[in-house]
């Protein structure tokens, strides 16, 4: 759908939402408060969440087991 959602790890409540206006091609990368996403039409979008503690997915590919 082109939306990126930021969910609270403990409660599952939505903490943020961004509509990129373009369909996302693969899972976004999260590193030091930035969310990076590639879109189906070739765009590369960087979102600054303002929360530098958000670092749990610093690379593309793989499974969720790396989140710890």
N, C-alpha and C. Protein backbone atom coordinates (compact mmCIF):
# COMPACT_ATOMS: atom_id res chain seq x y z
N UNK A 1 0.82 -1.21 0.00
CA UNK A 1 0.00 0.00 0.00
C UNK A 1 0.85 1.26 0.00
N UNK A 2 2.14 1.15 0.31
CA UNK A 2 2.98 2.34 0.35
C UNK A 2 3.04 3.00 1.71
N UNK A 3 2.52 2.33 2.73
CA UNK A 3 2.55 2.88 4.08
C UNK A 3 3.63 2.21 4.91
N UNK A 4 4.29 3.01 5.76
CA UNK A 4 5.23 2.50 6.74
C UNK A 4 4.63 2.78 8.11
N UNK A 5 4.50 1.75 8.93
CA UNK A 5 3.95 1.90 10.27
C UNK A 5 5.05 1.67 11.30
N UNK A 6 5.07 2.48 12.33
CA UNK A 6 5.97 2.31 13.46
C UNK A 6 5.12 1.84 14.63
N UNK A 7 5.39 0.62 15.10
CA UNK A 7 4.60 0.03 16.18
C UNK A 7 5.43 -0.07 17.45
N UNK A 8 4.77 0.11 18.59
CA UNK A 8 5.43 -0.05 19.88
C UNK A 8 5.70 -1.53 20.11
N UNK A 9 6.91 -1.84 20.47
CA UNK A 9 7.33 -3.23 20.65
C UNK A 9 6.55 -3.93 21.75
N UNK A 10 6.26 -3.25 22.84
CA UNK A 10 5.57 -3.87 23.99
C UNK A 10 4.06 -3.97 23.80
N UNK A 11 3.43 -2.85 23.41
CA UNK A 11 1.97 -2.81 23.36
C UNK A 11 1.39 -3.14 21.99
N UNK A 12 2.21 -2.98 20.94
CA UNK A 12 1.70 -3.17 19.59
C UNK A 12 0.95 -1.97 19.06
N UNK A 13 0.87 -0.90 19.85
CA UNK A 13 0.16 0.31 19.41
C UNK A 13 0.98 1.07 18.38
N UNK A 14 0.27 1.73 17.49
CA UNK A 14 0.91 2.50 16.43
C UNK A 14 1.53 3.77 17.00
N UNK A 15 2.84 3.96 16.74
CA UNK A 15 3.55 5.15 17.19
C UNK A 15 3.78 6.15 16.07
N UNK A 16 3.70 5.70 14.85
CA UNK A 16 3.91 6.58 13.71
C UNK A 16 3.39 5.95 12.44
N UNK A 17 3.14 6.80 11.44
CA UNK A 17 2.64 6.31 10.16
C UNK A 17 3.09 7.28 9.08
N UNK A 18 3.63 6.74 8.00
CA UNK A 18 4.04 7.54 6.86
C UNK A 18 3.47 6.93 5.60
N UNK A 19 2.83 7.74 4.78
CA UNK A 19 2.33 7.28 3.49
C UNK A 19 3.33 7.74 2.44
N UNK A 20 4.07 6.80 1.86
CA UNK A 20 5.11 7.14 0.90
C UNK A 20 4.55 7.53 -0.46
N UNK A 21 3.30 7.17 -0.71
CA UNK A 21 2.70 7.49 -1.99
C UNK A 21 3.17 6.58 -3.12
N UNK A 22 3.96 5.56 -2.77
CA UNK A 22 4.49 4.60 -3.73
C UNK A 22 4.56 3.24 -3.05
N UNK A 23 4.25 2.18 -3.78
CA UNK A 23 4.29 0.84 -3.20
C UNK A 23 5.71 0.46 -2.82
N UNK A 24 5.87 -0.15 -1.65
CA UNK A 24 7.17 -0.56 -1.15
C UNK A 24 7.54 -1.92 -1.74
N UNK A 25 8.79 -2.05 -2.18
CA UNK A 25 9.24 -3.29 -2.84
C UNK A 25 9.64 -4.38 -1.86
N UNK A 26 10.29 -4.03 -0.75
CA UNK A 26 10.73 -5.03 0.23
C UNK A 26 10.71 -4.40 1.61
N UNK A 27 11.02 -5.21 2.63
CA UNK A 27 10.95 -4.68 3.99
C UNK A 27 11.94 -3.53 4.15
N UNK A 28 11.54 -2.49 4.88
CA UNK A 28 12.43 -1.35 5.11
C UNK A 28 13.61 -1.72 6.02
N UNK A 29 14.64 -0.89 5.97
CA UNK A 29 15.79 -0.98 6.84
C UNK A 29 15.60 0.06 7.94
N UNK A 30 15.91 -0.30 9.20
CA UNK A 30 15.80 0.63 10.32
C UNK A 30 17.17 0.76 10.97
N UNK A 31 17.69 1.99 11.04
CA UNK A 31 19.02 2.19 11.61
C UNK A 31 19.13 3.58 12.23
N UNK A 32 19.38 3.61 13.53
CA UNK A 32 19.58 4.86 14.29
C UNK A 32 18.49 5.90 14.03
N UNK A 33 17.24 5.46 14.07
CA UNK A 33 16.11 6.37 13.94
C UNK A 33 15.68 6.67 12.53
N UNK A 34 16.38 6.14 11.56
CA UNK A 34 16.02 6.35 10.16
C UNK A 34 15.41 5.06 9.60
N UNK A 35 14.38 5.22 8.79
CA UNK A 35 13.77 4.10 8.09
C UNK A 35 14.02 4.34 6.60
N UNK A 36 14.61 3.34 5.94
CA UNK A 36 14.92 3.44 4.52
C UNK A 36 14.08 2.42 3.77
N UNK A 37 13.44 2.86 2.70
CA UNK A 37 12.57 1.97 1.95
C UNK A 37 12.77 2.18 0.45
N UNK A 38 12.80 1.07 -0.28
CA UNK A 38 12.84 1.11 -1.74
C UNK A 38 11.44 0.86 -2.27
N UNK A 39 11.06 1.59 -3.30
CA UNK A 39 9.71 1.45 -3.85
C UNK A 39 9.74 0.71 -5.18
N UNK A 40 8.57 0.24 -5.59
CA UNK A 40 8.46 -0.52 -6.83
C UNK A 40 8.80 0.31 -8.06
N UNK A 41 8.69 1.63 -7.97
CA UNK A 41 9.00 2.47 -9.13
C UNK A 41 10.43 3.04 -9.07
N UNK A 42 11.28 2.42 -8.23
CA UNK A 42 12.70 2.76 -8.23
C UNK A 42 13.12 3.88 -7.30
N UNK A 43 12.24 4.37 -6.47
CA UNK A 43 12.61 5.43 -5.53
C UNK A 43 13.26 4.83 -4.29
N UNK A 44 14.11 5.61 -3.65
CA UNK A 44 14.71 5.24 -2.37
C UNK A 44 14.34 6.35 -1.40
N UNK A 45 13.59 6.02 -0.35
CA UNK A 45 13.04 7.02 0.56
C UNK A 45 13.61 6.82 1.96
N UNK A 46 14.03 7.93 2.58
CA UNK A 46 14.56 7.91 3.95
C UNK A 46 13.62 8.71 4.85
N UNK A 47 13.19 8.09 5.95
CA UNK A 47 12.29 8.73 6.90
C UNK A 47 13.02 8.93 8.23
N UNK A 48 13.03 10.14 8.74
CA UNK A 48 13.65 10.41 10.04
C UNK A 48 12.56 10.34 11.10
N UNK A 49 12.62 9.31 11.96
CA UNK A 49 11.62 9.15 13.01
C UNK A 49 11.88 10.07 14.19
N UNK A 50 13.14 10.55 14.30
CA UNK A 50 13.51 11.39 15.44
C UNK A 50 13.88 10.59 16.68
N UNK A 51 13.76 9.28 16.61
CA UNK A 51 14.07 8.41 17.75
C UNK A 51 15.29 7.57 17.42
N UNK A 52 16.47 8.02 17.84
CA UNK A 52 17.72 7.36 17.50
C UNK A 52 17.87 5.97 18.13
N UNK A 53 17.01 5.63 19.09
CA UNK A 53 17.08 4.29 19.69
C UNK A 53 16.54 3.21 18.75
N UNK A 54 15.87 3.61 17.69
CA UNK A 54 15.32 2.63 16.75
C UNK A 54 16.43 2.12 15.84
N UNK A 55 16.99 0.99 16.19
CA UNK A 55 18.01 0.31 15.39
C UNK A 55 17.82 -1.17 15.62
N UNK A 56 17.22 -1.82 14.65
CA UNK A 56 17.00 -3.25 14.83
C UNK A 56 17.02 -4.00 13.51
N UNK A 57 17.13 -3.31 12.42
CA UNK A 57 17.07 -3.98 11.14
C UNK A 57 17.99 -3.24 10.18
N UNK A 58 19.32 -3.32 10.39
CA UNK A 58 20.24 -2.49 9.61
C UNK A 58 20.62 -3.02 8.23
N UNK A 59 19.89 -4.02 7.71
CA UNK A 59 20.24 -4.51 6.38
C UNK A 59 19.02 -5.17 5.74
N UNK A 60 19.05 -5.28 4.42
CA UNK A 60 17.96 -5.93 3.70
C UNK A 60 18.12 -7.44 3.74
N UNK A 61 17.00 -8.12 3.64
CA UNK A 61 17.00 -9.57 3.53
C UNK A 61 17.02 -10.27 4.87
N UNK A 62 16.85 -11.57 4.83
CA UNK A 62 16.88 -12.37 6.05
C UNK A 62 15.55 -12.40 6.75
N UNK A 63 15.54 -12.97 7.94
CA UNK A 63 14.31 -13.10 8.70
C UNK A 63 14.33 -12.29 9.98
N UNK A 64 13.24 -12.32 10.69
CA UNK A 64 13.06 -11.51 11.89
C UNK A 64 13.87 -12.02 13.08
N UNK A 65 14.50 -13.18 12.97
CA UNK A 65 15.25 -13.73 14.11
C UNK A 65 16.39 -12.81 14.54
N UNK A 66 16.86 -11.94 13.68
CA UNK A 66 17.97 -11.04 14.05
C UNK A 66 17.53 -9.94 15.01
N UNK A 67 16.24 -9.74 15.23
CA UNK A 67 15.76 -8.67 16.11
C UNK A 67 16.04 -8.93 17.58
N UNK A 68 16.28 -10.16 17.94
CA UNK A 68 16.62 -10.47 19.33
C UNK A 68 15.52 -10.41 20.28
